[in-house]
């Protein structure tokens, strides 16, 4: 669904990051942390989709965000995509953490999809006209924010 000129790269290394400890946030970082920070640095913006667990951000994802706190130069457009309308606590927590990271939240690109309790596949999401329109609108708003950053 990405419009021309936008490449979406999925980062799948969150589970491989070591537990964050500010005392370990020194020059000689573990390779997974270096790779994570490089991936974020290389990106023009971030689309964040995070499930809710126990009314909050899952520990592994919060850990990934913690590794970005002290790393400077991370301010970039960010959009939150939520698949579960009832996951309000996580969305509020993500907003707070992302504000701490000085991320530029693109409100027009933040969306909540009606996917609670439904086993969606990528094909099913794309086949649903309302979901597709919502995602296309969010991507257009995100691209516009990226263009403003340039």
N, C-alpha and C. Protein backbone atom coordinates (compact mmCIF):
# COMPACT_ATOMS: atom_id res chain seq x y z
N UNK A 1 0.81 -1.21 0.00
CA UNK A 1 0.00 0.00 0.00
C UNK A 1 0.84 1.27 0.00
N UNK A 2 2.12 1.13 0.21
CA UNK A 2 2.95 2.33 0.27
C UNK A 2 2.89 3.06 -1.06
N UNK A 3 2.64 4.36 -1.01
CA UNK A 3 2.61 5.13 -2.24
C UNK A 3 4.01 5.22 -2.86
N UNK A 4 4.08 5.56 -4.16
CA UNK A 4 5.39 5.69 -4.80
C UNK A 4 6.30 6.64 -4.02
N UNK A 5 7.54 6.24 -3.88
CA UNK A 5 8.50 7.07 -3.17
C UNK A 5 8.61 6.76 -1.68
N UNK A 6 7.72 5.91 -1.18
CA UNK A 6 7.77 5.54 0.23
C UNK A 6 8.10 4.07 0.35
N UNK A 7 9.17 3.77 1.05
CA UNK A 7 9.55 2.38 1.31
C UNK A 7 9.30 2.10 2.79
N UNK A 8 8.53 1.07 3.06
CA UNK A 8 8.26 0.67 4.43
C UNK A 8 9.17 -0.51 4.76
N UNK A 9 9.98 -0.35 5.79
CA UNK A 9 10.90 -1.39 6.23
C UNK A 9 10.43 -1.86 7.60
N UNK A 10 10.21 -3.15 7.74
CA UNK A 10 9.77 -3.70 9.02
C UNK A 10 11.00 -4.13 9.82
N UNK A 11 11.11 -3.60 11.02
CA UNK A 11 12.21 -3.97 11.90
C UNK A 11 11.74 -5.12 12.78
N UNK A 12 12.42 -6.24 12.70
CA UNK A 12 11.98 -7.41 13.45
C UNK A 12 12.97 -7.86 14.52
N UNK A 13 13.83 -6.95 14.95
CA UNK A 13 14.84 -7.32 15.93
C UNK A 13 14.55 -6.90 17.35
N UNK A 14 13.33 -6.43 17.63
CA UNK A 14 13.01 -5.94 18.97
C UNK A 14 13.24 -7.01 20.04
N UNK A 15 12.85 -8.24 19.76
CA UNK A 15 13.01 -9.31 20.75
C UNK A 15 14.45 -9.69 21.03
N UNK A 16 15.37 -9.30 20.16
CA UNK A 16 16.77 -9.64 20.34
C UNK A 16 17.58 -8.58 21.07
N UNK A 17 16.94 -7.50 21.46
CA UNK A 17 17.66 -6.44 22.17
C UNK A 17 17.90 -6.85 23.62
N UNK A 18 19.08 -6.55 24.16
CA UNK A 18 19.32 -6.86 25.57
C UNK A 18 18.49 -5.93 26.46
N UNK A 19 18.30 -6.36 27.68
CA UNK A 19 17.57 -5.54 28.65
C UNK A 19 18.27 -4.19 28.80
N UNK A 20 17.50 -3.11 28.74
CA UNK A 20 18.08 -1.78 28.85
C UNK A 20 18.52 -1.51 30.28
N UNK A 21 19.73 -0.98 30.39
CA UNK A 21 20.27 -0.51 31.66
C UNK A 21 21.06 0.75 31.32
N UNK A 22 20.71 1.89 31.90
CA UNK A 22 21.43 3.12 31.53
C UNK A 22 22.94 3.02 31.76
N UNK A 23 23.36 2.18 32.69
CA UNK A 23 24.80 2.01 32.93
C UNK A 23 25.49 1.32 31.75
N UNK A 24 24.71 0.59 30.93
CA UNK A 24 25.27 -0.11 29.78
C UNK A 24 25.18 0.72 28.50
N UNK A 25 24.58 1.90 28.59
CA UNK A 25 24.42 2.76 27.42
C UNK A 25 25.68 3.60 27.26
N UNK A 26 26.73 2.92 26.82
CA UNK A 26 28.05 3.53 26.68
C UNK A 26 28.52 3.37 25.24
N UNK A 27 29.75 3.79 24.96
CA UNK A 27 30.26 3.75 23.59
C UNK A 27 30.25 2.36 22.97
N UNK A 28 30.63 1.36 23.71
CA UNK A 28 30.70 0.02 23.18
C UNK A 28 29.37 -0.71 23.42
N UNK A 29 28.43 -0.51 22.50
CA UNK A 29 27.08 -1.08 22.65
C UNK A 29 27.00 -2.47 22.04
N UNK A 30 26.10 -3.30 22.56
CA UNK A 30 25.89 -4.62 21.95
C UNK A 30 25.44 -4.46 20.49
N UNK A 31 25.88 -5.36 19.61
CA UNK A 31 25.52 -5.26 18.19
C UNK A 31 24.01 -5.10 17.91
N UNK A 32 23.12 -5.79 18.64
CA UNK A 32 21.69 -5.58 18.34
C UNK A 32 21.23 -4.14 18.61
N UNK A 33 21.81 -3.50 19.62
CA UNK A 33 21.46 -2.11 19.93
C UNK A 33 21.98 -1.19 18.83
N UNK A 34 23.20 -1.44 18.39
CA UNK A 34 23.77 -0.65 17.28
C UNK A 34 22.89 -0.79 16.04
N UNK A 35 22.48 -2.00 15.72
CA UNK A 35 21.63 -2.23 14.55
C UNK A 35 20.29 -1.52 14.69
N UNK A 36 19.68 -1.56 15.86
CA UNK A 36 18.40 -0.89 16.12
C UNK A 36 18.55 0.62 15.94
N UNK A 37 19.56 1.20 16.56
CA UNK A 37 19.77 2.64 16.45
C UNK A 37 20.07 3.05 15.00
N UNK A 38 20.84 2.24 14.31
CA UNK A 38 21.13 2.54 12.90
C UNK A 38 19.87 2.47 12.05
N UNK A 39 19.00 1.51 12.32
CA UNK A 39 17.75 1.39 11.57
C UNK A 39 16.87 2.62 11.80
N UNK A 40 16.80 3.08 13.03
CA UNK A 40 15.99 4.27 13.34
C UNK A 40 16.62 5.50 12.71
N UNK A 41 17.94 5.62 12.78
CA UNK A 41 18.63 6.76 12.19
C UNK A 41 18.42 6.81 10.68
N UNK A 42 18.46 5.66 10.04
CA UNK A 42 18.31 5.60 8.58
C UNK A 42 16.89 5.94 8.12
N UNK A 43 15.92 5.76 8.98
CA UNK A 43 14.53 6.00 8.60
C UNK A 43 14.21 7.49 8.62
N UNK A 44 13.39 7.91 7.67
CA UNK A 44 12.93 9.29 7.66
C UNK A 44 11.82 9.51 8.66
N UNK A 45 11.13 8.43 9.03
CA UNK A 45 10.05 8.49 10.00
C UNK A 45 9.76 7.09 10.50
N UNK A 46 8.86 7.00 11.47
CA UNK A 46 8.52 5.69 12.04
C UNK A 46 7.02 5.50 12.10
N UNK A 47 6.57 4.35 11.62
CA UNK A 47 5.20 3.91 11.82
C UNK A 47 5.25 2.90 12.95
N UNK A 48 4.54 3.16 14.03
CA UNK A 48 4.59 2.29 15.19
C UNK A 48 3.25 1.58 15.34
N UNK A 49 3.31 0.26 15.38
CA UNK A 49 2.13 -0.54 15.67
C UNK A 49 2.51 -1.45 16.82
N UNK A 50 1.86 -1.28 17.95
CA UNK A 50 2.24 -1.98 19.16
C UNK A 50 1.00 -2.55 19.84
N UNK A 51 0.98 -3.84 20.10
CA UNK A 51 -0.18 -4.40 20.79
C UNK A 51 -0.21 -3.97 22.25
N UNK A 52 -1.37 -4.09 22.85
CA UNK A 52 -1.49 -3.82 24.27
C UNK A 52 -1.30 -5.12 25.03
N UNK A 53 -0.55 -5.06 26.12
CA UNK A 53 -0.39 -6.22 26.97
C UNK A 53 -0.53 -5.75 28.42
N UNK A 54 -1.46 -6.34 29.13
CA UNK A 54 -1.70 -5.99 30.54
C UNK A 54 -1.89 -4.47 30.69
N UNK A 55 -2.65 -3.90 29.75
CA UNK A 55 -2.99 -2.47 29.75
C UNK A 55 -1.78 -1.56 29.59
N UNK A 56 -0.77 -2.02 28.88
CA UNK A 56 0.40 -1.18 28.67
C UNK A 56 1.21 -1.62 27.48
N UNK A 57 2.35 -0.98 27.31
CA UNK A 57 3.28 -1.32 26.24
C UNK A 57 3.98 -2.62 26.62
N UNK A 58 4.01 -3.61 25.73
CA UNK A 58 4.75 -4.83 26.06
C UNK A 58 6.20 -4.50 26.41
N UNK A 59 6.73 -5.21 27.39
CA UNK A 59 8.07 -4.92 27.89
C UNK A 59 9.14 -4.89 26.82
N UNK A 60 9.08 -5.81 25.87
CA UNK A 60 10.12 -5.86 24.84
C UNK A 60 10.11 -4.60 23.97
N UNK A 61 8.91 -4.07 23.69
CA UNK A 61 8.86 -2.87 22.86
C UNK A 61 9.26 -1.63 23.66
N UNK A 62 8.85 -1.56 24.91
CA UNK A 62 9.27 -0.44 25.77
C UNK A 62 10.78 -0.46 25.92
N UNK A 63 11.36 -1.66 26.04
CA UNK A 63 12.81 -1.82 26.12
C UNK A 63 13.48 -1.23 24.88
N UNK A 64 12.91 -1.52 23.70
CA UNK A 64 13.47 -0.99 22.45
C UNK A 64 13.44 0.53 22.45
N UNK A 65 12.33 1.09 22.90
CA UNK A 65 12.23 2.56 22.96
C UNK A 65 13.22 3.12 23.98
N UNK A 66 13.41 2.43 25.09
CA UNK A 66 14.37 2.90 26.10
C UNK A 66 15.78 3.02 25.52
N UNK A 67 16.15 2.12 24.62
CA UNK A 67 17.48 2.17 24.01
C UNK A 67 17.64 3.41 23.12
N UNK A 68 16.54 4.09 22.78
CA UNK A 68 16.63 5.28 21.94
C UNK A 68 16.68 6.58 22.73
N UNK A 69 16.36 6.54 24.03
CA UNK A 69 16.22 7.77 24.81
C UNK A 69 17.48 8.63 24.79
N UNK A 70 18.63 8.04 25.08
CA UNK A 70 19.85 8.85 25.18
C UNK A 70 20.52 9.09 23.84
N UNK A 71 20.05 8.43 22.81
CA UNK A 71 20.66 8.58 21.49
C UNK A 71 20.09 9.84 20.85
N UNK A 72 20.93 10.81 20.60
CA UNK A 72 20.46 12.10 20.09
C UNK A 72 20.13 12.03 18.61
N UNK A 73 19.40 13.00 18.15
CA UNK A 73 19.10 13.10 16.73
C UNK A 73 17.97 12.21 16.27
N UNK A 74 17.08 11.84 17.16
CA UNK A 74 16.01 10.91 16.81
C UNK A 74 14.71 11.61 16.45
N UNK A 75 14.66 12.93 16.53
CA UNK A 75 13.40 13.60 16.24
C UNK A 75 13.03 13.41 14.77
N UNK A 76 11.91 12.77 14.56
CA UNK A 76 11.43 12.50 13.21
C UNK A 76 9.95 12.24 13.29
N UNK A 77 9.25 12.36 12.17
CA UNK A 77 7.81 12.09 12.17
C UNK A 77 7.50 10.65 12.60
N UNK A 78 6.47 10.53 13.43
CA UNK A 78 6.04 9.22 13.93
C UNK A 78 4.52 9.15 13.86
N UNK A 79 4.04 7.99 13.45
CA UNK A 79 2.60 7.73 13.46
C UNK A 79 2.35 6.44 14.22
N UNK A 80 1.27 6.40 14.97
CA UNK A 80 0.89 5.20 15.72
C UNK A 80 -0.30 4.57 15.02
N UNK A 81 -0.16 3.32 14.68
CA UNK A 81 -1.27 2.55 14.11
C UNK A 81 -1.71 1.53 15.15
N UNK A 82 -2.99 1.59 15.48
CA UNK A 82 -3.55 0.74 16.52
C UNK A 82 -4.59 -0.18 15.90
N UNK A 83 -4.45 -1.48 16.14
CA UNK A 83 -5.38 -2.44 15.57
C UNK A 83 -6.55 -2.77 16.50
N UNK A 84 -6.51 -2.27 17.72
CA UNK A 84 -7.55 -2.62 18.69
C UNK A 84 -8.11 -1.37 19.36
N UNK A 85 -9.35 -1.00 19.05
CA UNK A 85 -9.94 0.21 19.64
C UNK A 85 -9.94 0.24 21.16
N UNK A 86 -9.95 -0.91 21.80
CA UNK A 86 -9.98 -0.93 23.27
C UNK A 86 -8.60 -0.74 23.89
N UNK A 87 -7.54 -0.70 23.10
CA UNK A 87 -6.17 -0.59 23.61
C UNK A 87 -5.80 0.86 23.90
N UNK A 88 -6.63 1.53 24.65
CA UNK A 88 -6.45 2.96 24.94
C UNK A 88 -5.24 3.21 25.83
N UNK A 89 -5.02 2.36 26.82
CA UNK A 89 -3.91 2.57 27.75
C UNK A 89 -2.56 2.55 27.03
N UNK A 90 -2.40 1.62 26.13
CA UNK A 90 -1.14 1.52 25.39
C UNK A 90 -0.93 2.73 24.50
N UNK A 91 -1.98 3.17 23.85
CA UNK A 91 -1.85 4.32 22.97
C UNK A 91 -1.44 5.57 23.75
N UNK A 92 -2.02 5.76 24.93
CA UNK A 92 -1.63 6.90 25.78
C UNK A 92 -0.19 6.76 26.23
N UNK A 93 0.21 5.55 26.63
CA UNK A 93 1.59 5.33 27.07
C UNK A 93 2.58 5.55 25.93
N UNK A 94 2.24 5.07 24.74
CA UNK A 94 3.12 5.29 23.58
C UNK A 94 3.29 6.77 23.30
N UNK A 95 2.21 7.51 23.36
CA UNK A 95 2.29 8.95 23.12
C UNK A 95 3.24 9.62 24.12
N UNK A 96 3.15 9.22 25.37
CA UNK A 96 4.01 9.79 26.41
C UNK A 96 5.48 9.44 26.16
N UNK A 97 5.75 8.19 25.86
CA UNK A 97 7.13 7.76 25.61
C UNK A 97 7.68 8.44 24.36
N UNK A 98 6.89 8.48 23.30
CA UNK A 98 7.36 9.11 22.06
C UNK A 98 7.60 10.60 22.25
N UNK A 99 6.80 11.26 23.08
CA UNK A 99 7.04 12.67 23.38
C UNK A 99 8.37 12.83 24.13
N UNK A 100 8.68 11.89 25.01
CA UNK A 100 9.95 11.90 25.72
C UNK A 100 11.12 11.79 24.75
N UNK A 101 10.90 11.04 23.67
CA UNK A 101 11.93 10.88 22.65
C UNK A 101 11.98 12.08 21.70
N UNK A 102 11.14 13.08 21.94
CA UNK A 102 11.04 14.26 21.08
C UNK A 102 10.62 13.90 19.67
N UNK A 103 9.80 12.88 19.55
CA UNK A 103 9.29 12.50 18.24
C UNK A 103 8.20 13.47 17.82
N UNK A 104 8.10 13.69 16.53
CA UNK A 104 7.06 14.56 16.00
C UNK A 104 5.84 13.72 15.63
N UNK A 105 4.91 13.58 16.54
CA UNK A 105 3.74 12.76 16.29
C UNK A 105 2.87 13.40 15.21
N UNK A 106 2.60 12.66 14.16
CA UNK A 106 1.77 13.12 13.04
C UNK A 106 0.34 12.65 13.31
N UNK A 107 -0.44 13.51 13.95
CA UNK A 107 -1.79 13.12 14.38
C UNK A 107 -2.65 12.63 13.21
N UNK A 108 -2.55 13.28 12.08
CA UNK A 108 -3.38 12.90 10.93
C UNK A 108 -3.02 11.52 10.39
N UNK A 109 -1.85 11.01 10.76
CA UNK A 109 -1.41 9.69 10.30
C UNK A 109 -1.62 8.61 11.36
N UNK A 110 -2.10 8.99 12.54
CA UNK A 110 -2.37 8.03 13.61
C UNK A 110 -3.78 7.48 13.42
N UNK A 111 -3.91 6.16 13.38
CA UNK A 111 -5.21 5.56 13.13
C UNK A 111 -5.46 4.38 14.07
N UNK A 112 -6.73 4.11 14.28
CA UNK A 112 -7.16 2.93 15.01
C UNK A 112 -8.07 2.14 14.09
N UNK A 113 -7.72 0.88 13.88
CA UNK A 113 -8.50 0.01 13.02
C UNK A 113 -9.45 -0.85 13.86
N UNK A 114 -10.57 -1.23 13.30
CA UNK A 114 -11.53 -2.04 14.05
C UNK A 114 -11.20 -3.53 13.99
N UNK A 115 -10.04 -3.90 14.49
CA UNK A 115 -9.60 -5.29 14.33
C UNK A 115 -9.70 -6.12 15.61
N UNK A 116 -10.30 -5.60 16.66
CA UNK A 116 -10.40 -6.35 17.92
C UNK A 116 -11.13 -7.66 17.72
N UNK A 117 -10.53 -8.72 18.26
CA UNK A 117 -11.18 -10.01 18.26
C UNK A 117 -11.31 -10.66 16.89
N UNK A 118 -10.71 -10.06 15.88
CA UNK A 118 -10.80 -10.60 14.53
C UNK A 118 -9.40 -11.04 14.10
N UNK A 119 -9.32 -12.18 13.47
CA UNK A 119 -8.05 -12.68 12.97
C UNK A 119 -7.87 -12.17 11.54
N UNK A 120 -7.23 -11.03 11.40
CA UNK A 120 -7.03 -10.40 10.10
C UNK A 120 -5.77 -10.93 9.45
N UNK A 121 -5.83 -11.10 8.17
CA UNK A 121 -4.63 -11.35 7.37
C UNK A 121 -4.38 -10.06 6.60
N UNK A 122 -3.20 -9.94 6.03
CA UNK A 122 -2.90 -8.75 5.22
C UNK A 122 -3.88 -8.64 4.06
N UNK A 123 -4.18 -9.76 3.42
CA UNK A 123 -5.12 -9.74 2.30
C UNK A 123 -6.51 -9.30 2.74
N UNK A 124 -6.95 -9.78 3.91
CA UNK A 124 -8.28 -9.40 4.40
C UNK A 124 -8.34 -7.91 4.72
N UNK A 125 -7.27 -7.38 5.31
CA UNK A 125 -7.24 -5.95 5.60
C UNK A 125 -7.33 -5.13 4.31
N UNK A 126 -6.57 -5.52 3.32
CA UNK A 126 -6.56 -4.77 2.07
C UNK A 126 -7.88 -4.91 1.31
N UNK A 127 -8.59 -5.99 1.54
CA UNK A 127 -9.87 -6.21 0.86
C UNK A 127 -11.01 -5.44 1.50
N UNK A 128 -10.83 -5.00 2.74
CA UNK A 128 -11.86 -4.24 3.44
C UNK A 128 -11.76 -2.77 3.02
N UNK A 129 -12.77 -2.26 2.33
CA UNK A 129 -12.72 -0.90 1.78
C UNK A 129 -12.49 0.16 2.85
N UNK A 130 -13.16 0.03 3.99
CA UNK A 130 -13.02 1.04 5.05
C UNK A 130 -11.61 1.02 5.63
N UNK A 131 -11.09 -0.17 5.88
CA UNK A 131 -9.73 -0.29 6.43
C UNK A 131 -8.72 0.25 5.42
N UNK A 132 -8.87 -0.14 4.19
CA UNK A 132 -7.95 0.31 3.13
C UNK A 132 -7.96 1.84 3.02
N UNK A 133 -9.15 2.43 3.02
CA UNK A 133 -9.25 3.90 2.93
C UNK A 133 -8.59 4.57 4.13
N UNK A 134 -8.78 4.00 5.31
CA UNK A 134 -8.17 4.55 6.52
C UNK A 134 -6.65 4.51 6.41
N UNK A 135 -6.12 3.37 5.99
CA UNK A 135 -4.66 3.24 5.88
C UNK A 135 -4.09 4.12 4.77
N UNK A 136 -4.79 4.22 3.66
CA UNK A 136 -4.32 5.09 2.57
C UNK A 136 -4.28 6.55 3.02
N UNK A 137 -5.31 6.97 3.76
CA UNK A 137 -5.33 8.34 4.29
C UNK A 137 -4.20 8.58 5.27
N UNK A 138 -3.94 7.60 6.13
CA UNK A 138 -2.86 7.73 7.10
C UNK A 138 -1.51 7.80 6.40
N UNK A 139 -1.31 6.96 5.39
CA UNK A 139 -0.05 6.99 4.65
C UNK A 139 0.13 8.31 3.91
N UNK A 140 -0.93 8.84 3.34
CA UNK A 140 -0.84 10.13 2.64
C UNK A 140 -0.45 11.24 3.63
N UNK A 141 -1.05 11.24 4.80
CA UNK A 141 -0.71 12.24 5.82
C UNK A 141 0.73 12.07 6.29
N UNK A 142 1.17 10.83 6.39
CA UNK A 142 2.54 10.57 6.82
C UNK A 142 3.54 11.04 5.77
N UNK A 143 3.27 10.74 4.52
CA UNK A 143 4.14 11.19 3.42
C UNK A 143 4.21 12.72 3.40
N UNK A 144 3.08 13.37 3.60
CA UNK A 144 3.06 14.85 3.62
C UNK A 144 3.95 15.37 4.76
N UNK A 145 3.90 14.72 5.91
CA UNK A 145 4.75 15.13 7.02
C UNK A 145 6.23 14.91 6.71
N UNK A 146 6.54 13.80 6.05
CA UNK A 146 7.92 13.53 5.65
C UNK A 146 8.42 14.59 4.67
N UNK A 147 7.57 14.96 3.75
CA UNK A 147 7.95 15.99 2.76
C UNK A 147 8.18 17.34 3.43
N UNK A 148 7.41 17.65 4.45
CA UNK A 148 7.61 18.91 5.19
C UNK A 148 8.95 18.90 5.93
N UNK A 149 9.38 17.71 6.36
CA UNK A 149 10.65 17.58 7.09
C UNK A 149 11.84 17.83 6.16
N UNK A 150 11.68 17.50 4.88
CA UNK A 150 12.79 17.68 3.93
C UNK A 150 13.00 19.11 3.71
